[in-house]
Amino acid sequence: MKKGIFYSILTIIILIPIIMLSVNYSETLRGYGTDIGSNVRLKSGLYFLDSVNEDFERAVKIVGRRSITACINNVIEEGKGLDSAEDSIIELFENKTLNGTPSEIMDYNIYDWINKSDAIAMKRGFILEREMKIVSVSMEDPWNVIFTIELNIKLKDKENLFSYEKNLTKEIPVSIEGLEDTLYILNTGGKITRKIAKQEDNLIEKILDGTGGNGWNSGISIKIDDPQSLSDKDEKVFINATTDSSYSSFAGVVTMSNSTSLQTTYVLSGSWDSVPNNTRIVVEGNEGEVWNIENLYELHEKKLYIGGEGPSFLDRLENKLENSYPGAGLESLVDKNEMAEKMGYYNDRSNVDYIYFNTTLLNIYRVKGMPDKLRIDEQHLDRYGVNNTLSYA
C-alpha cells in the first residue's frame, strides 16, 4: 500500500512539469501517461528541445551577423550598393552565396547548424526534425536587423515513447553595432570609413538658469581648489561659489557671487554647484544660461550614431539617402576636417550625414561650443537639441 502511494506521488511529481511544459508550448504532445519511464524520457526530451531552441537563436545571431558582414564586404569590393539588402542577407544566411557566388567568409549557413544539432539529438536517442522558413529580414529599431523565422518542430523518441510537434514564429534581433557603415565608403570613394557605435539620445541639456553677461563662450567645466595653477584657462570654465576679476582669463565662470568685475563670460546662479565637473558646457552670459553639450560634442568627435530620420542600416547597404523603415533610421555627423584632409569638403552643407551626401542645400546653422566647421540644417535643430539660444548663422 505504501509503495503504491509512493509511486503515485512520484508519478504526479513527474507529470506536473510535463503538463506545464505542454501548456506553455501550446503544441501537439503525445505519449505521456502513467508510465514513469516514459514520462521521464519525455521530460528529458522537452528540456533538450529547450536548449536546442536557445542554441538556435544564438546560431541565428552568429550566422546572421556573418551574412551582414559578407554583404558589407561585397559593397566595399564592388564599390556599389546592393540591389536588395534583405534578399542578399537571406541568400547568404541560407546558402553561403551572394548572387550565386560563394562567400569566402561564410563558413556555414543556418542549415549546417540545424543538421549538426539534429545529429546531436540522434546520439541522445531522439529524432529531431525541423523545417525552417525565413519570413523576412527587416528593421524595427536603428540598432538591430530582425530575422523573422517560421519553424515547424518535430521531436520523438527512437522507441516511440512520445512525440511532440509545434509551429512557432521567432523574431530574432541581430546587432549592427561595430559594423561598417557603407554610406561613408560609397560616398567618399572608400577614403573615409565609419563603424556604427551608439550615442545616447540626450545630446544637449540646460543645466541652470540665472543672470550673467559678456556674451557666450564654451569650455570644459573645472571645479578645483587651486584653479590659477591650471594651463589652457581659455579652454576651461571655472565653477565656484565665489570669484573675482583674477578669473577673467578663463573661458567662462559660473558662480554665485556678484561678478560684474569679470572680463569673461559669466553666469550667476544659486544653483552653480549643479554644473558637473569636467564636462563640456556652453556659458551663455547674455541669456544667463548654462548648457551641457558633452554628448553632442562626443557624437561628432567620436563619430557616433543616433536614431533619427536618416537611412536605416539596410538602406545604407543599398546606398540610399532615405529611410525605408520608420523608427529605424540612423544619423551621424560628418567630420569636415577629416573630409578636408582626404578629399575636400562642402562647408555650405549640413554635417548630418545623409543630408551632407545629398546635393540639396538647406538652411544651416552653427552651434555654440561645437567645432567651427560644424553646421546643422534647420530641420534637424530640434532633433539635436539645438534651440535658438545655441544656434547662430
Protein backbone atom coordinates (compact mmCIF):
# COMPACT_ATOMS: atom_id res chain seq x y z
CA MET A 1 0.00 0.00 0.00
CA LYS A 2 2.78 2.38 0.96
CA LYS A 3 4.65 1.55 -2.25
CA GLY A 4 1.50 2.33 -4.27
CA ILE A 5 1.15 5.73 -2.61
CA PHE A 6 4.86 6.41 -3.14
CA TYR A 7 4.70 5.65 -6.86
CA SER A 8 1.51 7.67 -7.25
CA ILE A 9 3.14 10.71 -5.67
CA LEU A 10 6.29 10.21 -7.75
CA THR A 11 4.19 10.00 -10.92
CA ILE A 12 2.38 13.24 -10.03
CA ILE A 13 5.70 14.99 -9.33
CA ILE A 14 6.99 13.94 -12.74
CA LEU A 15 3.75 14.76 -14.56
CA ILE A 16 3.32 18.29 -13.20
CA PRO A 17 6.33 19.85 -15.03
CA ILE A 18 5.47 17.86 -18.16
CA ILE A 19 1.89 19.15 -18.15
CA MET A 20 3.17 22.66 -17.51
CA LEU A 21 5.57 22.31 -20.44
CA SER A 22 2.73 21.16 -22.69
CA VAL A 23 0.58 24.12 -21.62
CA ASN A 24 3.41 26.61 -22.15
CA TYR A 25 4.34 25.18 -25.54
CA SER A 26 0.76 25.03 -26.90
CA GLU A 27 1.89 22.14 -29.09
CA THR A 28 0.76 18.69 -30.09
CA LEU A 29 2.12 16.34 -27.43
CA ARG A 30 1.52 12.61 -27.34
CA GLY A 31 2.90 9.83 -25.23
CA TYR A 32 2.79 10.93 -21.61
CA GLY A 33 0.71 8.92 -19.21
CA THR A 34 1.22 6.92 -16.07
CA ASP A 35 4.38 5.10 -17.09
CA ILE A 36 7.20 6.69 -15.08
CA GLY A 37 9.95 5.69 -17.50
CA SER A 38 8.13 7.16 -20.50
CA ASN A 39 7.38 10.36 -18.65
CA VAL A 40 10.97 10.80 -17.53
CA ARG A 41 12.06 10.28 -21.12
CA LEU A 42 9.53 12.85 -22.33
CA LYS A 43 10.66 15.37 -19.75
CA SER A 44 14.27 14.83 -20.82
CA GLY A 45 13.31 15.34 -24.47
CA LEU A 46 11.44 18.59 -23.84
CA TYR A 47 14.28 20.07 -21.81
CA PHE A 48 16.68 19.03 -24.55
CA LEU A 49 14.44 20.84 -27.03
CA ASP A 50 14.52 23.97 -24.86
CA SER A 51 18.32 24.01 -25.04
CA VAL A 52 18.21 23.40 -28.80
CA ASN A 53 15.85 26.34 -29.26
CA GLU A 54 18.15 28.60 -27.24
CA ASP A 55 21.09 27.46 -29.36
CA PHE A 56 19.05 28.15 -32.50
CA GLU A 57 18.65 31.80 -31.52
CA ARG A 58 22.39 32.05 -30.86
CA ALA A 59 23.07 30.44 -34.24
CA VAL A 60 20.80 32.93 -36.00
CA LYS A 61 22.68 35.80 -34.34
CA ILE A 62 26.06 34.36 -35.36
CA VAL A 63 25.15 33.32 -38.93
CA GLY A 64 23.02 36.45 -39.37
CA ARG A 65 25.81 38.82 -38.39
CA ARG A 66 28.26 36.92 -40.60
CA SER A 67 25.80 37.26 -43.50
CA ILE A 68 25.51 41.01 -42.91
CA THR A 69 29.31 41.31 -42.78
CA ALA A 70 29.57 39.44 -46.09
CA CYS A 71 27.17 41.99 -47.61
CA ILE A 72 29.35 44.84 -46.35
CA ASN A 73 32.44 43.19 -47.85
CA ASN A 74 30.65 42.87 -51.18
CA VAL A 75 29.70 46.55 -51.20
CA ILE A 76 33.32 47.51 -50.47
CA GLU A 77 34.72 45.20 -53.15
CA GLU A 78 32.19 46.14 -55.83
CA GLY A 79 32.05 49.84 -54.97
CA LYS A 80 28.28 49.97 -55.25
CA GLY A 81 25.22 49.39 -53.11
CA LEU A 82 23.28 46.13 -53.03
CA ASP A 83 20.17 45.78 -55.19
CA SER A 84 18.31 44.38 -52.18
CA ALA A 85 19.96 44.16 -48.78
CA GLU A 86 17.19 41.92 -47.46
CA ASP A 87 17.44 39.38 -50.30
CA SER A 88 21.25 39.37 -50.16
CA ILE A 89 21.32 38.68 -46.42
CA ILE A 90 18.76 35.86 -46.77
CA GLU A 91 20.73 34.25 -49.60
CA LEU A 92 23.92 34.27 -47.55
CA PHE A 93 22.10 33.09 -44.44
CA GLU A 94 20.65 30.08 -46.25
CA ASN A 95 23.15 29.27 -48.99
CA LYS A 96 26.50 30.93 -48.15
CA THR A 97 26.33 32.66 -51.54
CA LEU A 98 25.68 36.17 -52.82
CA ASN A 99 24.23 36.45 -56.32
CA GLY A 100 25.08 32.77 -56.69
CA THR A 101 28.76 33.26 -55.84
CA PRO A 102 30.12 31.55 -52.68
CA SER A 103 31.20 33.98 -49.98
CA GLU A 104 34.69 33.48 -48.58
CA ILE A 105 33.70 34.39 -45.04
CA MET A 106 30.60 32.18 -44.82
CA ASP A 107 31.98 29.00 -43.26
CA TYR A 108 28.49 27.63 -42.62
CA ASN A 109 24.84 28.53 -43.10
CA ILE A 110 21.87 28.09 -40.79
CA TYR A 111 21.04 24.66 -42.22
CA ASP A 112 24.54 23.41 -41.37
CA TRP A 113 23.81 24.29 -37.75
CA ILE A 114 20.38 22.63 -37.87
CA ASN A 115 21.87 19.43 -39.27
CA LYS A 116 24.54 19.43 -36.57
CA SER A 117 22.05 19.79 -33.72
CA ASP A 118 19.81 17.13 -35.28
CA ALA A 119 22.78 14.75 -35.23
CA ILE A 120 23.33 15.51 -31.52
CA ALA A 121 19.66 14.68 -30.88
CA MET A 122 20.12 11.33 -32.61
CA LYS A 123 23.04 10.48 -30.32
CA ARG A 124 20.77 11.11 -27.34
CA GLY A 125 18.10 8.81 -28.66
CA PHE A 126 15.77 11.45 -30.12
CA ILE A 127 14.64 12.10 -33.66
CA LEU A 128 14.51 15.86 -34.25
CA GLU A 129 13.16 17.29 -37.48
CA ARG A 130 12.79 21.00 -38.28
CA GLU A 131 11.50 22.85 -41.28
CA MET A 132 12.61 26.47 -41.41
CA LYS A 133 11.31 29.36 -43.47
CA ILE A 134 12.68 32.90 -43.35
CA VAL A 135 9.70 35.21 -43.48
CA SER A 136 11.67 38.44 -43.62
CA VAL A 137 14.78 40.41 -42.79
CA SER A 138 13.81 43.87 -41.61
CA MET A 139 14.42 46.58 -39.03
CA GLU A 140 12.21 47.77 -36.18
CA ASP A 141 14.82 49.90 -34.38
CA PRO A 142 18.07 51.54 -35.52
CA TRP A 143 20.43 49.01 -33.90
CA ASN A 144 19.22 45.54 -34.90
CA VAL A 145 18.35 43.64 -38.05
CA ILE A 146 15.33 41.45 -37.27
CA PHE A 147 15.29 37.90 -38.67
CA THR A 148 11.68 36.65 -38.67
CA ILE A 149 11.67 32.87 -38.98
CA GLU A 150 8.89 30.27 -39.04
CA LEU A 151 9.75 26.86 -37.62
CA ASN A 152 7.96 23.54 -37.66
CA ILE A 153 9.50 21.34 -34.98
CA LYS A 154 9.00 17.58 -34.56
CA LEU A 155 10.64 15.59 -31.77
CA LYS A 156 10.14 11.98 -30.86
CA ASP A 157 11.89 9.22 -29.00
CA LYS A 158 13.55 6.47 -31.04
CA GLU A 159 11.43 3.94 -29.16
CA ASN A 160 8.23 5.90 -29.89
CA LEU A 161 7.67 6.59 -26.19
CA PHE A 162 6.41 10.08 -27.07
CA SER A 163 6.04 12.55 -29.94
CA TYR A 164 5.98 16.32 -29.97
CA GLU A 165 5.17 18.84 -32.69
CA LYS A 166 4.96 22.61 -32.71
CA ASN A 167 4.80 25.54 -35.14
CA LEU A 168 6.27 28.83 -34.00
CA THR A 169 7.49 32.16 -35.31
CA LYS A 170 10.64 33.74 -33.92
CA GLU A 171 11.79 37.34 -34.29
CA ILE A 172 15.50 37.34 -33.55
CA PRO A 173 17.45 40.64 -33.38
CA VAL A 174 21.00 40.74 -34.75
CA SER A 175 23.04 43.74 -33.61
CA ILE A 176 24.68 46.01 -36.20
CA GLU A 177 26.85 47.87 -33.69
CA GLY A 178 30.51 47.70 -34.62
CA LEU A 179 29.79 47.06 -38.29
CA GLU A 180 30.95 49.27 -41.17
CA ASP A 181 28.63 51.99 -42.45
CA THR A 182 28.70 51.58 -46.22
CA LEU A 183 27.15 55.03 -46.78
CA TYR A 184 30.51 56.65 -45.96
CA ILE A 185 32.50 54.19 -48.05
CA LEU A 186 30.32 54.63 -51.13
CA ASN A 187 30.02 58.42 -50.91
CA THR A 188 33.73 59.09 -50.32
CA GLY A 189 35.16 56.60 -52.79
CA GLY A 190 36.41 54.46 -49.91
CA LYS A 191 38.56 57.27 -48.50
CA ILE A 192 36.58 57.56 -45.27
CA THR A 193 35.18 54.71 -43.21
CA ARG A 194 32.92 54.74 -40.19
CA LYS A 195 31.82 51.97 -37.82
CA ILE A 196 28.45 52.14 -36.13
CA ALA A 197 28.66 52.99 -32.43
CA LYS A 198 25.71 54.23 -30.41
CA GLN A 199 25.39 57.56 -28.62
CA GLU A 200 22.68 58.22 -26.06
CA ASP A 201 19.82 60.46 -27.17
CA ASN A 202 20.18 63.21 -24.54
CA LEU A 203 22.53 65.31 -26.68
CA ILE A 204 22.07 68.74 -25.09
CA GLU A 205 20.72 69.68 -21.67
CA LYS A 206 20.16 73.01 -19.97
CA ILE A 207 21.86 72.79 -16.57
CA LEU A 208 20.77 76.04 -14.93
CA ASP A 209 19.24 79.49 -15.33
CA GLY A 210 20.50 82.70 -13.76
CA THR A 211 21.80 86.09 -14.78
CA GLY A 212 25.06 86.97 -16.47
CA GLY A 213 26.87 88.91 -19.12
CA ASN A 214 29.76 89.26 -21.59
CA GLY A 215 28.34 87.17 -24.43
CA TRP A 216 28.83 83.44 -24.65
CA ASN A 217 31.74 81.03 -24.53
CA SER A 218 32.35 77.33 -24.02
CA GLY A 219 34.88 75.00 -22.49
CA ILE A 220 35.44 72.19 -20.02
CA SER A 221 33.95 72.82 -16.57
CA ILE A 222 36.51 72.80 -13.75
CA LYS A 223 35.93 72.52 -10.01
CA ILE A 224 39.30 72.79 -8.29
CA ASP A 225 40.75 74.45 -5.18
CA ASP A 226 43.73 75.98 -6.98
CA PRO A 227 42.42 76.99 -10.43
CA GLN A 228 45.17 79.54 -11.09
CA SER A 229 47.67 76.69 -11.42
CA LEU A 230 45.85 75.37 -14.47
CA SER A 231 47.16 75.73 -18.01
CA ASP A 232 44.93 76.50 -21.02
CA LYS A 233 42.48 78.52 -18.94
CA ASP A 234 40.93 79.89 -22.12
CA GLU A 235 39.58 76.38 -22.78
CA LYS A 236 38.08 75.91 -19.31
CA VAL A 237 35.07 77.23 -17.37
CA PHE A 238 35.69 77.81 -13.67
CA ILE A 239 32.88 76.68 -11.36
CA ASN A 240 32.96 78.07 -7.81
CA ALA A 241 30.79 79.81 -5.20
CA THR A 242 32.92 82.95 -5.26
CA THR A 243 35.16 84.56 -7.89
CA ASP A 244 36.87 87.85 -8.66
CA SER A 245 38.48 89.64 -11.59
CA SER A 246 41.55 87.38 -11.42
CA TYR A 247 39.49 84.62 -13.05
CA SER A 248 38.89 86.60 -16.21
CA SER A 249 41.49 84.50 -18.04
CA PHE A 250 39.07 81.54 -18.05
CA ALA A 251 36.76 80.92 -21.00
CA GLY A 252 33.90 81.49 -18.60
CA VAL A 253 32.84 81.47 -14.98
CA VAL A 254 29.77 80.06 -13.24
CA THR A 255 29.44 81.38 -9.71
CA MET A 256 27.08 82.56 -7.01
CA SER A 257 28.77 85.87 -6.19
CA ASN A 258 28.45 89.24 -7.91
CA SER A 259 30.93 89.01 -10.78
CA THR A 260 30.40 92.27 -12.66
CA SER A 261 34.16 92.88 -12.46
CA LEU A 262 34.82 89.80 -14.60
CA GLN A 263 36.02 90.46 -18.14
CA THR A 264 35.00 86.98 -19.32
CA THR A 265 31.62 85.36 -19.92
CA TYR A 266 29.82 84.57 -16.68
CA VAL A 267 26.55 83.30 -15.22
CA LEU A 268 25.39 83.96 -11.65
CA SER A 269 23.14 81.37 -10.03
CA GLY A 270 22.43 79.94 -6.62
CA SER A 271 22.47 76.55 -8.36
CA TRP A 272 26.07 76.97 -9.55
CA ASP A 273 27.11 73.64 -7.98
CA SER A 274 24.69 71.71 -10.24
CA VAL A 275 27.19 72.10 -13.09
CA PRO A 276 29.04 68.76 -13.41
CA ASN A 277 32.82 68.74 -13.25
CA ASN A 278 34.99 68.01 -16.29
CA THR A 279 32.14 68.40 -18.76
CA ARG A 280 31.92 70.39 -21.99
CA ILE A 281 29.48 73.24 -21.43
CA VAL A 282 28.27 76.46 -23.03
CA VAL A 283 28.03 79.53 -20.81
CA GLU A 284 25.50 81.92 -22.36
CA GLY A 285 26.07 85.06 -20.32
CA ASN A 286 23.58 87.31 -22.06
CA GLU A 287 20.79 84.77 -21.52
CA GLY A 288 22.00 83.67 -18.08
CA GLU A 289 22.01 80.00 -19.10
CA VAL A 290 24.46 77.10 -18.84
CA TRP A 291 24.15 74.14 -21.23
CA ASN A 292 25.71 70.67 -21.16
CA ILE A 293 26.76 69.81 -24.72
CA GLU A 294 29.05 66.87 -23.86
CA ASN A 295 27.00 64.21 -25.68
CA LEU A 296 26.59 66.28 -28.84
CA TYR A 297 30.31 67.02 -28.86
CA GLU A 298 31.12 63.32 -28.42
CA LEU A 299 28.66 62.42 -31.19
CA HIS A 300 30.80 64.47 -33.57
CA GLU A 301 34.29 63.90 -32.20
CA LYS A 302 33.95 60.15 -31.55
CA LYS A 303 31.99 59.58 -34.77
CA LEU A 304 28.97 58.04 -33.04
CA TYR A 305 25.39 57.45 -34.21
CA ILE A 306 21.88 58.24 -33.01
CA GLY A 307 18.49 57.07 -34.19
CA GLY A 308 16.74 59.55 -36.46
CA GLU A 309 15.18 60.14 -39.85
CA GLY A 310 18.25 59.11 -41.85
CA PRO A 311 18.55 55.90 -43.87
CA SER A 312 18.45 52.69 -41.85
CA PHE A 313 21.40 50.31 -41.85
CA LEU A 314 19.77 48.19 -44.56
CA ASP A 315 19.15 51.31 -46.66
CA ARG A 316 22.80 52.26 -46.26
CA LEU A 317 23.81 48.88 -47.69
CA GLU A 318 21.87 49.93 -50.81
CA ASN A 319 23.41 53.45 -50.78
CA LYS A 320 20.01 55.03 -50.23
CA LEU A 321 19.78 58.51 -48.72
CA GLU A 322 16.25 58.00 -47.38
CA ASN A 323 14.80 55.68 -44.75
CA SER A 324 12.59 52.71 -45.70
CA TYR A 325 11.99 51.55 -42.12
CA PRO A 326 10.06 54.03 -39.91
CA GLY A 327 11.58 54.22 -36.45
CA ALA A 328 14.80 52.52 -37.55
CA GLY A 329 16.70 55.42 -39.14
CA LEU A 330 20.34 56.22 -38.35
CA GLU A 331 22.23 59.50 -38.31
CA SER A 332 25.80 60.61 -37.66
CA LEU A 333 27.73 63.85 -38.11
CA VAL A 334 30.27 64.14 -40.89
CA ASP A 335 33.71 65.32 -39.76
CA LYS A 336 34.54 68.09 -42.24
CA ASN A 337 38.13 68.27 -41.01
CA GLU A 338 38.53 64.63 -41.98
CA MET A 339 36.87 65.38 -45.29
CA ALA A 340 39.16 68.34 -45.92
CA GLU A 341 42.22 66.20 -45.24
CA LYS A 342 41.25 63.32 -47.51
CA MET A 343 39.04 64.69 -50.27
CA GLY A 344 37.84 68.26 -49.68
CA TYR A 345 34.53 69.26 -48.13
CA TYR A 346 31.40 71.37 -48.60
CA ASN A 347 31.06 73.92 -45.81
CA ASP A 348 27.67 75.05 -47.08
CA ARG A 349 26.15 71.66 -46.23
CA SER A 350 24.74 70.26 -43.02
CA ASN A 351 27.01 67.82 -41.17
CA VAL A 352 24.11 65.37 -40.75
CA ASP A 353 25.46 62.53 -42.88
CA TYR A 354 22.64 61.76 -45.31
CA ILE A 355 21.95 65.48 -45.78
CA TYR A 356 25.64 66.17 -46.40
CA PHE A 357 25.87 63.42 -49.03
CA ASN A 358 22.77 64.80 -50.76
CA THR A 359 23.23 67.67 -53.21
CA THR A 360 20.16 69.56 -51.94
CA LEU A 361 21.16 72.66 -49.97
CA LEU A 362 19.21 73.57 -46.82
CA ASN A 363 19.34 76.44 -44.36
CA ILE A 364 22.17 75.64 -41.95
CA TYR A 365 23.33 76.96 -38.58
CA ARG A 366 26.41 76.91 -36.42
CA VAL A 367 26.15 75.54 -32.88
CA LYS A 368 27.75 77.26 -29.89
CA GLY A 369 30.55 75.23 -28.37
CA MET A 370 30.88 72.91 -31.35
CA PRO A 371 33.76 72.75 -33.90
CA ASP A 372 33.91 75.70 -36.28
CA LYS A 373 33.06 73.72 -39.44
CA LEU A 374 30.00 72.04 -37.95
CA ARG A 375 26.61 73.02 -39.36
CA ILE A 376 23.14 71.65 -38.56
CA ASP A 377 20.31 72.09 -41.05
CA GLU A 378 17.10 73.75 -39.94
CA GLN A 379 15.02 70.57 -40.00
CA HIS A 380 17.42 68.83 -37.59
CA LEU A 381 17.84 71.56 -34.96
CA ASP A 382 15.18 70.09 -32.68
CA ARG A 383 16.45 66.52 -33.13
CA TYR A 384 19.91 67.58 -31.96
CA GLY A 385 18.54 69.66 -29.09
CA VAL A 386 19.78 72.91 -30.58
CA ASN A 387 17.36 75.75 -29.79
CA ASN A 388 17.53 79.43 -30.72
CA THR A 389 19.91 80.15 -27.82
CA LEU A 390 22.55 77.68 -29.04
CA SER A 391 22.29 78.14 -32.82
CA TYR A 392 23.54 81.07 -34.88
CA ALA A 393 24.09 81.89 -38.52
